[in-house]
Amino acid sequence: METTRRPRRPALKRAPRWTLLAVAFSSVATGLVLPHTLLIAAGLLLAGCVALP
């Protein structure tokens, strides 16, 4: 009796997500050190987009 195997989903690489999260938090930190509201907003937006599944 043959069993059919379903193909496994490829493992998702988490490295790009962590890299983008680091870039987002560094831009937020830079925006806080240099009082630049647009940089803070862009960093928070990027962090929110990266956190979504």
C-alpha atoms as a PDB file:
ATOM      1  CA  MET A   1       0.000   0.000   0.000  1.00  0.00           C
ATOM      2  CA  GLU A   2       1.478   3.311  -1.079  1.00  0.00           C
ATOM      3  CA  THR A   3       1.148   6.403   1.005  1.00  0.00           C
ATOM      4  CA  THR A   4       1.145   9.754  -0.676  1.00  0.00           C
ATOM      5  CA  ARG A   5       3.145  12.440   0.986  1.00  0.00           C
ATOM      6  CA  ARG A   6       2.133  16.032   0.864  1.00  0.00           C
ATOM      7  CA  PRO A   7       5.008  18.381   0.112  1.00  0.00           C
ATOM      8  CA  ARG A   8       6.262  20.257   3.129  1.00  0.00           C
ATOM      9  CA  ARG A   9       6.123  24.016   3.223  1.00  0.00           C
ATOM     10  CA  PRO A  10       9.543  25.598   3.010  1.00  0.00           C
ATOM     11  CA  ALA A  11      10.794  27.039   6.274  1.00  0.00           C
ATOM     12  CA  LEU A  12      10.454  30.783   6.444  1.00  0.00           C
ATOM     13  CA  LYS A  13      13.696  32.620   6.839  1.00  0.00           C
ATOM     14  CA  ARG A  14      13.569  34.985   9.774  1.00  0.00           C
ATOM     15  CA  ALA A  15      16.810  36.815   9.096  1.00  0.00           C
ATOM     16  CA  PRO A  16      15.325  39.497   6.800  1.00  0.00           C
ATOM     17  CA  ARG A  17      12.557  40.160   9.323  1.00  0.00           C
ATOM     18  CA  TRP A  18      15.050  40.663  12.166  1.00  0.00           C
ATOM     19  CA  THR A  19      17.204  42.871   9.959  1.00  0.00           C
ATOM     20  CA  LEU A  20      14.268  45.098   9.037  1.00  0.00           C
ATOM     21  CA  LEU A  21      13.215  45.249  12.673  1.00  0.00           C
ATOM     22  CA  ALA A  22      16.715  46.364  13.652  1.00  0.00           C
ATOM     23  CA  VAL A  23      16.644  49.035  10.935  1.00  0.00           C
ATOM     24  CA  ALA A  24      13.239  50.208  12.149  1.00  0.00           C
ATOM     25  CA  PHE A  25      14.322  50.508  15.763  1.00  0.00           C
ATOM     26  CA  SER A  26      17.568  52.212  14.821  1.00  0.00           C
ATOM     27  CA  SER A  27      15.630  54.792  12.803  1.00  0.00           C
ATOM     28  CA  VAL A  28      13.326  55.380  15.773  1.00  0.00           C
ATOM     29  CA  ALA A  29      16.354  55.826  18.038  1.00  0.00           C
ATOM     30  CA  THR A  30      17.991  58.188  15.567  1.00  0.00           C
ATOM     31  CA  GLY A  31      14.764  60.152  15.299  1.00  0.00           C
ATOM     32  CA  LEU A  32      14.658  60.477  19.076  1.00  0.00           C
ATOM     33  CA  VAL A  33      18.279  61.607  19.358  1.00  0.00           C
ATOM     34  CA  LEU A  34      17.917  64.075  16.503  1.00  0.00           C
ATOM     35  CA  PRO A  35      14.448  65.486  17.058  1.00  0.00           C
ATOM     36  CA  HIS A  36      13.060  64.472  13.687  1.00  0.00           C
ATOM     37  CA  THR A  37       9.401  63.491  13.734  1.00  0.00           C
ATOM     38  CA  LEU A  38       9.296  62.042  10.221  1.00  0.00           C
ATOM     39  CA  LEU A  39      12.127  59.618  11.021  1.00  0.00           C
ATOM     40  CA  ILE A  40      10.341  58.475  14.187  1.00  0.00           C
ATOM     41  CA  ALA A  41       7.097  57.966  12.273  1.00  0.00           C
ATOM     42  CA  ALA A  42       8.807  56.044   9.480  1.00  0.00           C
ATOM     43  CA  GLY A  43      10.578  53.792  11.976  1.00  0.00           C
ATOM     44  CA  LEU A  44       7.362  53.051  13.831  1.00  0.00           C
ATOM     45  CA  LEU A  45       5.553  52.345  10.574  1.00  0.00           C
ATOM     46  CA  LEU A  46       8.302  49.992   9.414  1.00  0.00           C
ATOM     47  CA  ALA A  47       8.331  48.196  12.771  1.00  0.00           C
ATOM     48  CA  GLY A  48       4.576  47.736  12.567  1.00  0.00           C
ATOM     49  CA  CYS A  49       4.764  46.350   9.029  1.00  0.00           C
ATOM     50  CA  VAL A  50       7.542  43.934   9.962  1.00  0.00           C
ATOM     51  CA  ALA A  51       5.633  42.698  13.006  1.00  0.00           C
ATOM     52  CA  LEU A  52       2.673  41.613  10.890  1.00  0.00           C
ATOM     53  CA  PRO A  53       2.761  37.945   9.853  1.00  0.00           C
END
